[in-house]
């Protein structure tokens, strides 16, 4: 992780969650926790605080709460560019995000 002693967005889990969310574009807490290899409760807490600060926006889809960067955030473009720069050095995180299966499996297809 590039984020060393100082985390630009508060705690390390908050910063890591925001970096993962910027790469995933839209995701839910369990998927982010899986990508970061962090406990679900810590990621949920980080997402709640990021949402309370207005950096991310959440919406409900059925029983799942989906999150993304808040498009109405006053510095949305600058935040997105800053997160892109931070994730450039996060090769391991980028690799884990790229390996995720993001679409449903065809009906009847063998595993």
PDB file of N, CA and C in Angstrom:
ATOM      1  N   UNK A   1       0.842  -1.184   0.000  1.00  0.00           N
ATOM      2  CA  UNK A   1       0.000   0.000   0.000  1.00  0.00           C
ATOM      3  C   UNK A   1       0.882   1.240   0.000  1.00  0.00           C
ATOM      4  N   UNK A   2       0.563   2.147  -0.854  1.00  0.00           N
ATOM      5  CA  UNK A   2       1.285   3.405  -0.929  1.00  0.00           C
ATOM      6  C   UNK A   2       0.996   4.255   0.300  1.00  0.00           C
ATOM      7  N   UNK A   3      -0.224   4.154   0.778  1.00  0.00           N
ATOM      8  CA  UNK A   3      -0.622   4.944   1.933  1.00  0.00           C
ATOM      9  C   UNK A   3       0.146   4.428   3.133  1.00  0.00           C
ATOM     10  N   UNK A   4       1.096   5.205   3.597  1.00  0.00           N
ATOM     11  CA  UNK A   4       1.954   4.793   4.698  1.00  0.00           C
ATOM     12  C   UNK A   4       1.407   5.214   6.032  1.00  0.00           C
ATOM     13  N   UNK A   5       2.198   5.939   6.776  1.00  0.00           N
ATOM     14  CA  UNK A   5       1.803   6.367   8.108  1.00  0.00           C
ATOM     15  C   UNK A   5       0.614   7.324   8.062  1.00  0.00           C
ATOM     16  N   UNK A   6       0.598   8.227   7.123  1.00  0.00           N
ATOM     17  CA  UNK A   6      -0.472   9.219   7.038  1.00  0.00           C
ATOM     18  C   UNK A   6      -1.487   8.781   5.979  1.00  0.00           C
ATOM     19  N   UNK A   7      -2.741   8.770   6.342  1.00  0.00           N
ATOM     20  CA  UNK A   7      -3.803   8.462   5.398  1.00  0.00           C
ATOM     21  C   UNK A   7      -4.513   9.760   5.056  1.00  0.00           C
ATOM     22  N   UNK A   8      -4.576  10.121   3.783  1.00  0.00           N
ATOM     23  CA  UNK A   8      -5.160  11.406   3.403  1.00  0.00           C
ATOM     24  C   UNK A   8      -6.649  11.551   3.719  1.00  0.00           C
ATOM     25  N   UNK A   9      -7.358  10.442   3.946  1.00  0.00           N
ATOM     26  CA  UNK A   9      -8.792  10.523   4.188  1.00  0.00           C
ATOM     27  C   UNK A   9      -9.174  10.019   5.573  1.00  0.00           C
ATOM     28  N   UNK A  10      -8.269  10.111   6.514  1.00  0.00           N
ATOM     29  CA  UNK A  10      -8.541   9.643   7.870  1.00  0.00           C
ATOM     30  C   UNK A  10      -7.811   8.350   8.119  1.00  0.00           C
ATOM     31  N   UNK A  11      -8.526   7.310   8.518  1.00  0.00           N
ATOM     32  CA  UNK A  11      -7.918   6.016   8.798  1.00  0.00           C
ATOM     33  C   UNK A  11      -7.528   5.270   7.542  1.00  0.00           C
ATOM     34  N   UNK A  12      -6.739   4.230   7.741  1.00  0.00           N
ATOM     35  CA  UNK A  12      -6.270   3.435   6.600  1.00  0.00           C
ATOM     36  C   UNK A  12      -7.419   2.726   5.888  1.00  0.00           C
ATOM     37  N   UNK A  13      -8.369   2.215   6.654  1.00  0.00           N
ATOM     38  CA  UNK A  13      -9.488   1.504   6.024  1.00  0.00           C
ATOM     39  C   UNK A  13     -10.343   2.476   5.217  1.00  0.00           C
ATOM     40  N   UNK A  14     -10.526   3.694   5.718  1.00  0.00           N
ATOM     41  CA  UNK A  14     -11.267   4.710   4.952  1.00  0.00           C
ATOM     42  C   UNK A  14     -10.577   4.991   3.626  1.00  0.00           C
ATOM     43  N   UNK A  15      -9.270   5.206   3.679  1.00  0.00           N
ATOM     44  CA  UNK A  15      -8.514   5.516   2.468  1.00  0.00           C
ATOM     45  C   UNK A  15      -8.512   4.338   1.510  1.00  0.00           C
ATOM     46  N   UNK A  16      -8.270   3.133   2.022  1.00  0.00           N
ATOM     47  CA  UNK A  16      -8.264   1.944   1.164  1.00  0.00           C
ATOM     48  C   UNK A  16      -9.635   1.721   0.536  1.00  0.00           C
ATOM     49  N   UNK A  17     -10.696   1.928   1.311  1.00  0.00           N
ATOM     50  CA  UNK A  17     -12.055   1.751   0.782  1.00  0.00           C
ATOM     51  C   UNK A  17     -12.337   2.744  -0.328  1.00  0.00           C
ATOM     52  N   UNK A  18     -11.893   3.960  -0.155  1.00  0.00           N
ATOM     53  CA  UNK A  18     -12.095   4.986  -1.176  1.00  0.00           C
ATOM     54  C   UNK A  18     -11.296   4.670  -2.438  1.00  0.00           C
ATOM     55  N   UNK A  19     -10.075   4.175  -2.289  1.00  0.00           N
ATOM     56  CA  UNK A  19      -9.263   3.782  -3.442  1.00  0.00           C
ATOM     57  C   UNK A  19      -9.922   2.621  -4.192  1.00  0.00           C
ATOM     58  N   UNK A  20     -10.381   1.621  -3.451  1.00  0.00           N
ATOM     59  CA  UNK A  20     -11.033   0.477  -4.086  1.00  0.00           C
ATOM     60  C   UNK A  20     -12.308   0.909  -4.791  1.00  0.00           C
ATOM     61  N   UNK A  21     -13.071   1.764  -4.151  1.00  0.00           N
ATOM     62  CA  UNK A  21     -14.320   2.245  -4.748  1.00  0.00           C
ATOM     63  C   UNK A  21     -14.057   3.038  -6.022  1.00  0.00           C
ATOM     64  N   UNK A  22     -12.969   3.783  -6.041  1.00  0.00           N
ATOM     65  CA  UNK A  22     -12.652   4.542  -7.256  1.00  0.00           C
ATOM     66  C   UNK A  22     -12.302   3.603  -8.419  1.00  0.00           C
ATOM     67  N   UNK A  23     -11.662   2.472  -8.117  1.00  0.00           N
ATOM     68  CA  UNK A  23     -11.338   1.501  -9.165  1.00  0.00           C
ATOM     69  C   UNK A  23     -12.566   0.702  -9.591  1.00  0.00           C
ATOM     70  N   UNK A  24     -13.427   0.369  -8.639  1.00  0.00           N
ATOM     71  CA  UNK A  24     -14.610  -0.430  -8.931  1.00  0.00           C
ATOM     72  C   UNK A  24     -15.741   0.393  -9.541  1.00  0.00           C
ATOM     73  N   UNK A  25     -15.728   1.689  -9.346  1.00  0.00           N
ATOM     74  CA  UNK A  25     -16.730   2.651  -9.804  1.00  0.00           C
ATOM     75  C   UNK A  25     -18.027   2.562  -9.006  1.00  0.00           C
ATOM     76  N   UNK A  26     -18.556   1.383  -8.792  1.00  0.00           N
ATOM     77  CA  UNK A  26     -19.736   1.209  -7.943  1.00  0.00           C
ATOM     78  C   UNK A  26     -19.640  -0.184  -7.335  1.00  0.00           C
ATOM     79  N   UNK A  27     -19.864  -0.267  -6.034  1.00  0.00           N
ATOM     80  CA  UNK A  27     -19.728  -1.550  -5.371  1.00  0.00           C
ATOM     81  C   UNK A  27     -20.481  -1.550  -4.050  1.00  0.00           C
ATOM     82  N   UNK A  28     -20.462  -2.688  -3.383  1.00  0.00           N
ATOM     83  CA  UNK A  28     -21.101  -2.847  -2.091  1.00  0.00           C
ATOM     84  C   UNK A  28     -20.050  -3.253  -1.058  1.00  0.00           C
ATOM     85  N   UNK A  29     -20.410  -3.145   0.209  1.00  0.00           N
ATOM     86  CA  UNK A  29     -19.445  -3.302   1.299  1.00  0.00           C
ATOM     87  C   UNK A  29     -18.741  -4.657   1.279  1.00  0.00           C
ATOM     88  N   UNK A  30     -19.466  -5.745   1.077  1.00  0.00           N
ATOM     89  CA  UNK A  30     -18.846  -7.072   1.122  1.00  0.00           C
ATOM     90  C   UNK A  30     -17.816  -7.242   0.004  1.00  0.00           C
ATOM     91  N   UNK A  31     -18.108  -6.739  -1.176  1.00  0.00           N
ATOM     92  CA  UNK A  31     -17.158  -6.847  -2.290  1.00  0.00           C
ATOM     93  C   UNK A  31     -15.903  -6.031  -2.000  1.00  0.00           C
ATOM     94  N   UNK A  32     -16.067  -4.844  -1.466  1.00  0.00           N
ATOM     95  CA  UNK A  32     -14.915  -4.005  -1.119  1.00  0.00           C
ATOM     96  C   UNK A  32     -14.074  -4.683  -0.043  1.00  0.00           C
ATOM     97  N   UNK A  33     -14.736  -5.261   0.960  1.00  0.00           N
ATOM     98  CA  UNK A  33     -14.020  -5.967   2.026  1.00  0.00           C
ATOM     99  C   UNK A  33     -13.238  -7.150   1.459  1.00  0.00           C
ATOM    100  N   UNK A  34     -13.831  -7.860   0.513  1.00  0.00           N
ATOM    101  CA  UNK A  34     -13.165  -9.000  -0.112  1.00  0.00           C
ATOM    102  C   UNK A  34     -11.933  -8.546  -0.897  1.00  0.00           C
ATOM    103  N   UNK A  35     -12.063  -7.450  -1.636  1.00  0.00           N
ATOM    104  CA  UNK A  35     -10.947  -6.931  -2.432  1.00  0.00           C
ATOM    105  C   UNK A  35      -9.806  -6.455  -1.525  1.00  0.00           C
ATOM    106  N   UNK A  36     -10.172  -5.782  -0.436  1.00  0.00           N
ATOM    107  CA  UNK A  36      -9.167  -5.233   0.470  1.00  0.00           C
ATOM    108  C   UNK A  36      -8.630  -6.256   1.455  1.00  0.00           C
ATOM    109  N   UNK A  37      -9.316  -7.409   1.544  1.00  0.00           N
ATOM    110  CA  UNK A  37      -8.964  -8.433   2.532  1.00  0.00           C
ATOM    111  C   UNK A  37      -9.015  -7.855   3.942  1.00  0.00           C
ATOM    112  N   UNK A  38     -10.106  -7.163   4.208  1.00  0.00           N
ATOM    113  CA  UNK A  38     -10.362  -6.526   5.505  1.00  0.00           C
ATOM    114  C   UNK A  38     -11.671  -7.065   6.065  1.00  0.00           C
ATOM    115  N   UNK A  39     -11.868  -6.960   7.381  1.00  0.00           N
ATOM    116  CA  UNK A  39     -13.150  -7.378   7.959  1.00  0.00           C
ATOM    117  C   UNK A  39     -14.302  -6.509   7.449  1.00  0.00           C
ATOM    118  N   UNK A  40     -15.436  -7.154   7.228  1.00  0.00           N
ATOM    119  CA  UNK A  40     -16.607  -6.465   6.700  1.00  0.00           C
ATOM    120  C   UNK A  40     -17.042  -5.318   7.603  1.00  0.00           C
ATOM    121  N   UNK A  41     -17.032  -5.517   8.902  1.00  0.00           N
ATOM    122  CA  UNK A  41     -17.510  -4.478   9.826  1.00  0.00           C
ATOM    123  C   UNK A  41     -16.673  -3.206   9.728  1.00  0.00           C
ATOM    124  N   UNK A  42     -15.375  -3.341   9.561  1.00  0.00           N
ATOM    125  CA  UNK A  42     -14.510  -2.170   9.425  1.00  0.00           C
ATOM    126  C   UNK A  42     -14.778  -1.406   8.141  1.00  0.00           C
ATOM    127  N   UNK A  43     -15.002  -2.139   7.064  1.00  0.00           N
ATOM    128  CA  UNK A  43     -15.298  -1.507   5.776  1.00  0.00           C
ATOM    129  C   UNK A  43     -16.660  -0.824   5.829  1.00  0.00           C
ATOM    130  N   UNK A  44     -17.648  -1.466   6.450  1.00  0.00           N
ATOM    131  CA  UNK A  44     -18.968  -0.850   6.582  1.00  0.00           C
ATOM    132  C   UNK A  44     -18.883   0.450   7.373  1.00  0.00           C
ATOM    133  N   UNK A  45     -18.110   0.448   8.437  1.00  0.00           N
ATOM    134  CA  UNK A  45     -17.933   1.657   9.255  1.00  0.00           C
ATOM    135  C   UNK A  45     -17.269   2.760   8.435  1.00  0.00           C
ATOM    136  N   UNK A  46     -16.238   2.388   7.664  1.00  0.00           N
ATOM    137  CA  UNK A  46     -15.542   3.361   6.826  1.00  0.00           C
ATOM    138  C   UNK A  46     -16.482   3.942   5.770  1.00  0.00           C
ATOM    139  N   UNK A  47     -17.295   3.096   5.157  1.00  0.00           N
ATOM    140  CA  UNK A  47     -18.225   3.562   4.131  1.00  0.00           C
ATOM    141  C   UNK A  47     -19.276   4.493   4.724  1.00  0.00           C
ATOM    142  N   UNK A  48     -19.765   4.166   5.914  1.00  0.00           N
ATOM    143  CA  UNK A  48     -20.745   5.053   6.567  1.00  0.00           C
ATOM    144  C   UNK A  48     -20.138   6.424   6.835  1.00  0.00           C
ATOM    145  N   UNK A  49     -18.899   6.452   7.309  1.00  0.00           N
ATOM    146  CA  UNK A  49     -18.285   7.752   7.615  1.00  0.00           C
ATOM    147  C   UNK A  49     -17.957   8.531   6.344  1.00  0.00           C
ATOM    148  N   UNK A  50     -17.533   7.836   5.283  1.00  0.00           N
ATOM    149  CA  UNK A  50     -17.284   8.513   4.003  1.00  0.00           C
ATOM    150  C   UNK A  50     -18.576   9.076   3.421  1.00  0.00           C
ATOM    151  N   UNK A  51     -19.662   8.338   3.599  1.00  0.00           N
ATOM    152  CA  UNK A  51     -20.957   8.824   3.114  1.00  0.00           C
ATOM    153  C   UNK A  51     -21.411  10.022   3.942  1.00  0.00           C
ATOM    154  N   UNK A  52     -21.210   9.967   5.258  1.00  0.00           N
ATOM    155  CA  UNK A  52     -21.581  11.089   6.125  1.00  0.00           C
ATOM    156  C   UNK A  52     -20.772  12.336   5.783  1.00  0.00           C
ATOM    157  N   UNK A  53     -19.524  12.155   5.341  1.00  0.00           N
ATOM    158  CA  UNK A  53     -18.675  13.287   4.953  1.00  0.00           C
ATOM    159  C   UNK A  53     -18.982  13.784   3.549  1.00  0.00           C
ATOM    160  N   UNK A  54     -19.811  13.056   2.812  1.00  0.00           N
ATOM    161  CA  UNK A  54     -20.218  13.491   1.481  1.00  0.00           C
ATOM    162  C   UNK A  54     -19.283  13.084   0.366  1.00  0.00           C
ATOM    163  N   UNK A  55     -18.265  12.262   0.648  1.00  0.00           N
ATOM    164  CA  UNK A  55     -17.328  11.844  -0.394  1.00  0.00           C
ATOM    165  C   UNK A  55     -17.900  10.752  -1.290  1.00  0.00           C
ATOM    166  N   UNK A  56     -18.761   9.916  -0.721  1.00  0.00           N
ATOM    167  CA  UNK A  56     -19.391   8.863  -1.507  1.00  0.00           C
ATOM    168  C   UNK A  56     -20.898   8.960  -1.348  1.00  0.00           C
ATOM    169  N   UNK A  57     -21.603   8.373  -2.301  1.00  0.00           N
ATOM    170  CA  UNK A  57     -23.063   8.345  -2.263  1.00  0.00           C
ATOM    171  C   UNK A  57     -23.504   6.890  -2.278  1.00  0.00           C
ATOM    172  N   UNK A  58     -24.500   6.583  -1.469  1.00  0.00           N
ATOM    173  CA  UNK A  58     -25.027   5.233  -1.413  1.00  0.00           C
ATOM    174  C   UNK A  58     -26.465   5.209  -1.876  1.00  0.00           C
ATOM    175  N   UNK A  59     -26.859   4.083  -2.435  1.00  0.00           N
ATOM    176  CA  UNK A  59     -28.246   3.886  -2.841  1.00  0.00           C
ATOM    177  C   UNK A  59     -28.586   2.429  -2.602  1.00  0.00           C
ATOM    178  N   UNK A  60     -29.840   2.187  -2.338  1.00  0.00           N
ATOM    179  CA  UNK A  60     -30.293   0.818  -2.095  1.00  0.00           C
ATOM    180  C   UNK A  60     -30.792   0.199  -3.380  1.00  0.00           C
ATOM    181  N   UNK A  61     -30.372  -1.044  -3.599  1.00  0.00           N
ATOM    182  CA  UNK A  61     -30.871  -1.827  -4.720  1.00  0.00           C
ATOM    183  C   UNK A  61     -31.305  -3.158  -4.113  1.00  0.00           C
ATOM    184  N   UNK A  62     -32.586  -3.276  -3.863  1.00  0.00           N
ATOM    185  CA  UNK A  62     -33.080  -4.438  -3.136  1.00  0.00           C
ATOM    186  C   UNK A  62     -32.609  -4.348  -1.696  1.00  0.00           C
ATOM    187  N   UNK A  63     -31.943  -5.401  -1.231  1.00  0.00           N
ATOM    188  CA  UNK A  63     -31.412  -5.394   0.126  1.00  0.00           C
ATOM    189  C   UNK A  63     -29.945  -4.978   0.178  1.00  0.00           C
ATOM    190  N   UNK A  64     -29.373  -4.645  -0.961  1.00  0.00           N
ATOM    191  CA  UNK A  64     -27.958  -4.294  -1.051  1.00  0.00           C
ATOM    192  C   UNK A  64     -27.788  -2.789  -1.133  1.00  0.00           C
ATOM    193  N   UNK A  65     -26.807  -2.276  -0.430  1.00  0.00           N
ATOM    194  CA  UNK A  65     -26.484  -0.850  -0.486  1.00  0.00           C
ATOM    195  C   UNK A  65     -25.267  -0.682  -1.385  1.00  0.00           C
ATOM    196  N   UNK A  66     -25.445   0.001  -2.509  1.00  0.00           N
ATOM    197  CA  UNK A  66     -24.369   0.250  -3.469  1.00  0.00           C
ATOM    198  C   UNK A  66     -23.772   1.632  -3.229  1.00  0.00           C
ATOM    199  N   UNK A  67     -22.453   1.730  -3.364  1.00  0.00           N
ATOM    200  CA  UNK A  67     -21.743   2.990  -3.146  1.00  0.00           C
ATOM    201  C   UNK A  67     -20.949   3.362  -4.381  1.00  0.00           C
ATOM    202  N   UNK A  68     -20.760   4.662  -4.544  1.00  0.00           N
ATOM    203  CA  UNK A  68     -19.899   5.212  -5.595  1.00  0.00           C
ATOM    204  C   UNK A  68     -19.427   6.578  -5.135  1.00  0.00           C
ATOM    205  N   UNK A  69     -18.465   7.141  -5.851  1.00  0.00           N
ATOM    206  CA  UNK A  69     -18.042   8.502  -5.520  1.00  0.00           C
ATOM    207  C   UNK A  69     -19.230   9.433  -5.720  1.00  0.00           C
ATOM    208  N   UNK A  70     -19.397  10.379  -4.826  1.00  0.00           N
ATOM    209  CA  UNK A  70     -20.550  11.274  -4.880  1.00  0.00           C
ATOM    210  C   UNK A  70     -20.385  12.277  -6.022  1.00  0.00           C
ATOM    211  N   UNK A  71     -21.212  12.175  -7.062  1.00  0.00           N
ATOM    212  CA  UNK A  71     -21.075  13.090  -8.200  1.00  0.00           C
ATOM    213  C   UNK A  71     -21.412  14.535  -7.837  1.00  0.00           C
ATOM    214  N   UNK A  72     -22.133  14.753  -6.749  1.00  0.00           N
ATOM    215  CA  UNK A  72     -22.492  16.112  -6.333  1.00  0.00           C
ATOM    216  C   UNK A  72     -21.475  16.719  -5.379  1.00  0.00           C
ATOM    217  N   UNK A  73     -20.431  15.973  -5.059  1.00  0.00           N
ATOM    218  CA  UNK A  73     -19.384  16.495  -4.188  1.00  0.00           C
ATOM    219  C   UNK A  73     -18.745  17.693  -4.882  1.00  0.00           C
ATOM    220  N   UNK A  74     -18.514  18.781  -4.140  1.00  0.00           N
ATOM    221  CA  UNK A  74     -18.073  20.031  -4.767  1.00  0.00           C
ATOM    222  C   UNK A  74     -16.751  19.901  -5.515  1.00  0.00           C
ATOM    223  N   UNK A  75     -15.892  18.973  -5.106  1.00  0.00           N
ATOM    224  CA  UNK A  75     -14.597  18.789  -5.768  1.00  0.00           C
ATOM    225  C   UNK A  75     -14.519  17.391  -6.387  1.00  0.00           C
ATOM    226  N   UNK A  76     -15.608  16.954  -6.987  1.00  0.00           N
ATOM    227  CA  UNK A  76     -15.700  15.600  -7.538  1.00  0.00           C
ATOM    228  C   UNK A  76     -14.591  15.314  -8.551  1.00  0.00           C
ATOM    229  N   UNK A  77     -14.403  16.191  -9.515  1.00  0.00           N
ATOM    230  CA  UNK A  77     -13.390  15.959 -10.558  1.00  0.00           C
ATOM    231  C   UNK A  77     -11.990  15.896  -9.976  1.00  0.00           C
ATOM    232  N   UNK A  78     -11.687  16.803  -9.050  1.00  0.00           N
ATOM    233  CA  UNK A  78     -10.365  16.817  -8.412  1.00  0.00           C
ATOM    234  C   UNK A  78     -10.159  15.566  -7.570  1.00  0.00           C
ATOM    235  N   UNK A  79     -11.200  15.144  -6.850  1.00  0.00           N
ATOM    236  CA  UNK A  79     -11.119  13.938  -6.030  1.00  0.00           C
ATOM    237  C   UNK A  79     -10.876  12.718  -6.898  1.00  0.00           C
ATOM    238  N   UNK A  80     -11.606  12.603  -7.987  1.00  0.00           N
ATOM    239  CA  UNK A  80     -11.443  11.468  -8.897  1.00  0.00           C
ATOM    240  C   UNK A  80     -10.025  11.412  -9.466  1.00  0.00           C
ATOM    241  N   UNK A  81      -9.500  12.565  -9.883  1.00  0.00           N
ATOM    242  CA  UNK A  81      -8.137  12.610 -10.421  1.00  0.00           C
ATOM    243  C   UNK A  81      -7.108  12.256  -9.346  1.00  0.00           C
ATOM    244  N   UNK A  82      -7.309  12.758  -8.133  1.00  0.00           N
ATOM    245  CA  UNK A  82      -6.397  12.460  -7.026  1.00  0.00           C
ATOM    246  C   UNK A  82      -6.396  10.962  -6.711  1.00  0.00           C
ATOM    247  N   UNK A  83      -7.569  10.356  -6.682  1.00  0.00           N
ATOM    248  CA  UNK A  83      -7.653   8.919  -6.409  1.00  0.00           C
ATOM    249  C   UNK A  83      -7.027   8.107  -7.541  1.00  0.00           C
ATOM    250  N   UNK A  84      -7.183   8.565  -8.780  1.00  0.00           N
ATOM    251  CA  UNK A  84      -6.526   7.888  -9.911  1.00  0.00           C
ATOM    252  C   UNK A  84      -5.014   7.914  -9.739  1.00  0.00           C
ATOM    253  N   UNK A  85      -4.483   9.049  -9.312  1.00  0.00           N
ATOM    254  CA  UNK A  85      -3.036   9.158  -9.086  1.00  0.00           C
ATOM    255  C   UNK A  85      -2.579   8.244  -7.955  1.00  0.00           C
ATOM    256  N   UNK A  86      -3.361   8.181  -6.890  1.00  0.00           N
ATOM    257  CA  UNK A  86      -3.007   7.323  -5.758  1.00  0.00           C
ATOM    258  C   UNK A  86      -3.043   5.842  -6.135  1.00  0.00           C
ATOM    259  N   UNK A  87      -3.973   5.456  -6.991  1.00  0.00           N
ATOM    260  CA  UNK A  87      -4.088   4.044  -7.357  1.00  0.00           C
ATOM    261  C   UNK A  87      -3.076   3.615  -8.417  1.00  0.00           C
ATOM    262  N   UNK A  88      -2.389   4.559  -9.048  1.00  0.00           N
ATOM    263  CA  UNK A  88      -1.374   4.191 -10.042  1.00  0.00           C
ATOM    264  C   UNK A  88      -0.306   3.283  -9.444  1.00  0.00           C
ATOM    265  N   UNK A  89       0.068   3.528  -8.215  1.00  0.00           N
ATOM    266  CA  UNK A  89       1.123   2.738  -7.564  1.00  0.00           C
ATOM    267  C   UNK A  89       0.573   1.508  -6.846  1.00  0.00           C
ATOM    268  N   UNK A  90      -0.723   1.339  -6.821  1.00  0.00           N
ATOM    269  CA  UNK A  90      -1.360   0.218  -6.117  1.00  0.00           C
ATOM    270  C   UNK A  90      -1.549  -0.967  -7.066  1.00  0.00           C
ATOM    271  N   UNK A  91      -0.456  -1.596  -7.462  1.00  0.00           N
ATOM    272  CA  UNK A  91      -0.517  -2.680  -8.442  1.00  0.00           C
ATOM    273  C   UNK A  91      -1.290  -3.883  -7.912  1.00  0.00           C
ATOM    274  N   UNK A  92      -1.077  -4.220  -6.643  1.00  0.00           N
ATOM    275  CA  UNK A  92      -1.763  -5.364  -6.045  1.00  0.00           C
ATOM    276  C   UNK A  92      -3.274  -5.132  -5.997  1.00  0.00           C
ATOM    277  N   UNK A  93      -3.679  -3.956  -5.589  1.00  0.00           N
ATOM    278  CA  UNK A  93      -5.104  -3.620  -5.520  1.00  0.00           C
ATOM    279  C   UNK A  93      -5.722  -3.631  -6.915  1.00  0.00           C
ATOM    280  N   UNK A  94      -5.035  -3.054  -7.877  1.00  0.00           N
ATOM    281  CA  UNK A  94      -5.542  -3.042  -9.256  1.00  0.00           C
ATOM    282  C   UNK A  94      -5.717  -4.469  -9.787  1.00  0.00           C
ATOM    283  N   UNK A  95      -4.768  -5.333  -9.477  1.00  0.00           N
ATOM    284  CA  UNK A  95      -4.830  -6.719  -9.933  1.00  0.00           C
ATOM    285  C   UNK A  95      -6.023  -7.446  -9.316  1.00  0.00           C
ATOM    286  N   UNK A  96      -6.259  -7.245  -8.014  1.00  0.00           N
ATOM    287  CA  UNK A  96      -7.392  -7.885  -7.347  1.00  0.00           C
ATOM    288  C   UNK A  96      -8.721  -7.387  -7.915  1.00  0.00           C
ATOM    289  N   UNK A  97      -8.801  -6.101  -8.230  1.00  0.00           N
ATOM    290  CA  UNK A  97     -10.035  -5.546  -8.812  1.00  0.00           C
ATOM    291  C   UNK A  97     -10.249  -6.112 -10.211  1.00  0.00           C
ATOM    292  N   UNK A  98      -9.192  -6.238 -10.990  1.00  0.00           N
ATOM    293  CA  UNK A  98      -9.321  -6.746 -12.358  1.00  0.00           C
ATOM    294  C   UNK A  98      -9.744  -8.215 -12.398  1.00  0.00           C
ATOM    295  N   UNK A  99      -9.439  -8.973 -11.346  1.00  0.00           N
ATOM    296  CA  UNK A  99      -9.789 -10.393 -11.309  1.00  0.00           C
ATOM    297  C   UNK A  99     -11.236 -10.632 -10.888  1.00  0.00           C
ATOM    298  N   UNK A 100     -11.931  -9.599 -10.432  1.00  0.00           N
ATOM    299  CA  UNK A 100     -13.311  -9.768  -9.993  1.00  0.00           C
ATOM    300  C   UNK A 100     -14.221 -10.110 -11.158  1.00  0.00           C
ATOM    301  N   UNK A 101     -15.154 -10.998 -10.892  1.00  0.00           N
ATOM    302  CA  UNK A 101     -16.181 -11.305 -11.889  1.00  0.00           C
ATOM    303  C   UNK A 101     -17.318 -10.340 -11.654  1.00  0.00           C
ATOM    304  N   UNK A 102     -17.626  -9.488 -12.632  1.00  0.00           N
ATOM    305  CA  UNK A 102     -18.612  -8.429 -12.443  1.00  0.00           C
ATOM    306  C   UNK A 102     -19.918  -8.670 -13.187  1.00  0.00           C
ATOM    307  N   UNK A 103     -20.085  -9.815 -13.819  1.00  0.00           N
ATOM    308  CA  UNK A 103     -21.342 -10.064 -14.509  1.00  0.00           C
ATOM    309  C   UNK A 103     -21.852 -11.455 -14.142  1.00  0.00           C
ATOM    310  N   UNK A 104     -23.113 -11.643 -14.343  1.00  0.00           N
ATOM    311  CA  UNK A 104     -23.734 -12.914 -13.982  1.00  0.00           C
ATOM    312  C   UNK A 104     -23.297 -14.033 -14.919  1.00  0.00           C
ATOM    313  N   UNK A 105     -23.279 -15.232 -14.385  1.00  0.00           N
ATOM    314  CA  UNK A 105     -22.951 -16.409 -15.184  1.00  0.00           C
ATOM    315  C   UNK A 105     -24.168 -16.803 -16.022  1.00  0.00           C
ATOM    316  N   UNK A 106     -23.936 -17.240 -17.242  1.00  0.00           N
ATOM    317  CA  UNK A 106     -25.028 -17.653 -18.128  1.00  0.00           C
ATOM    318  C   UNK A 106     -25.786 -18.821 -17.501  1.00  0.00           C
ATOM    319  N   UNK A 107     -27.087 -18.823 -17.618  1.00  0.00           N
ATOM    320  CA  UNK A 107     -27.927 -19.879 -17.077  1.00  0.00           C
ATOM    321  C   UNK A 107     -27.558 -21.216 -17.690  1.00  0.00           C
ATOM    322  N   UNK A 108     -27.357 -22.206 -16.837  1.00  0.00           N
ATOM    323  CA  UNK A 108     -27.049 -23.548 -17.329  1.00  0.00           C
ATOM    324  C   UNK A 108     -25.580 -23.788 -17.609  1.00  0.00           C
ATOM    325  N   UNK A 109     -24.751 -22.784 -17.511  1.00  0.00           N
ATOM    326  CA  UNK A 109     -23.319 -22.960 -17.789  1.00  0.00           C
ATOM    327  C   UNK A 109     -22.662 -23.713 -16.645  1.00  0.00           C
ATOM    328  N   UNK A 110     -21.813 -24.661 -16.985  1.00  0.00           N
ATOM    329  CA  UNK A 110     -21.109 -25.435 -15.957  1.00  0.00           C
ATOM    330  C   UNK A 110     -20.067 -24.567 -15.267  1.00  0.00           C
ATOM    331  N   UNK A 111     -19.794 -24.889 -14.016  1.00  0.00           N
ATOM    332  CA  UNK A 111     -18.785 -24.134 -13.253  1.00  0.00           C
ATOM    333  C   UNK A 111     -17.395 -24.553 -13.582  1.00  0.00           C
TER     334      UNK A 111
END
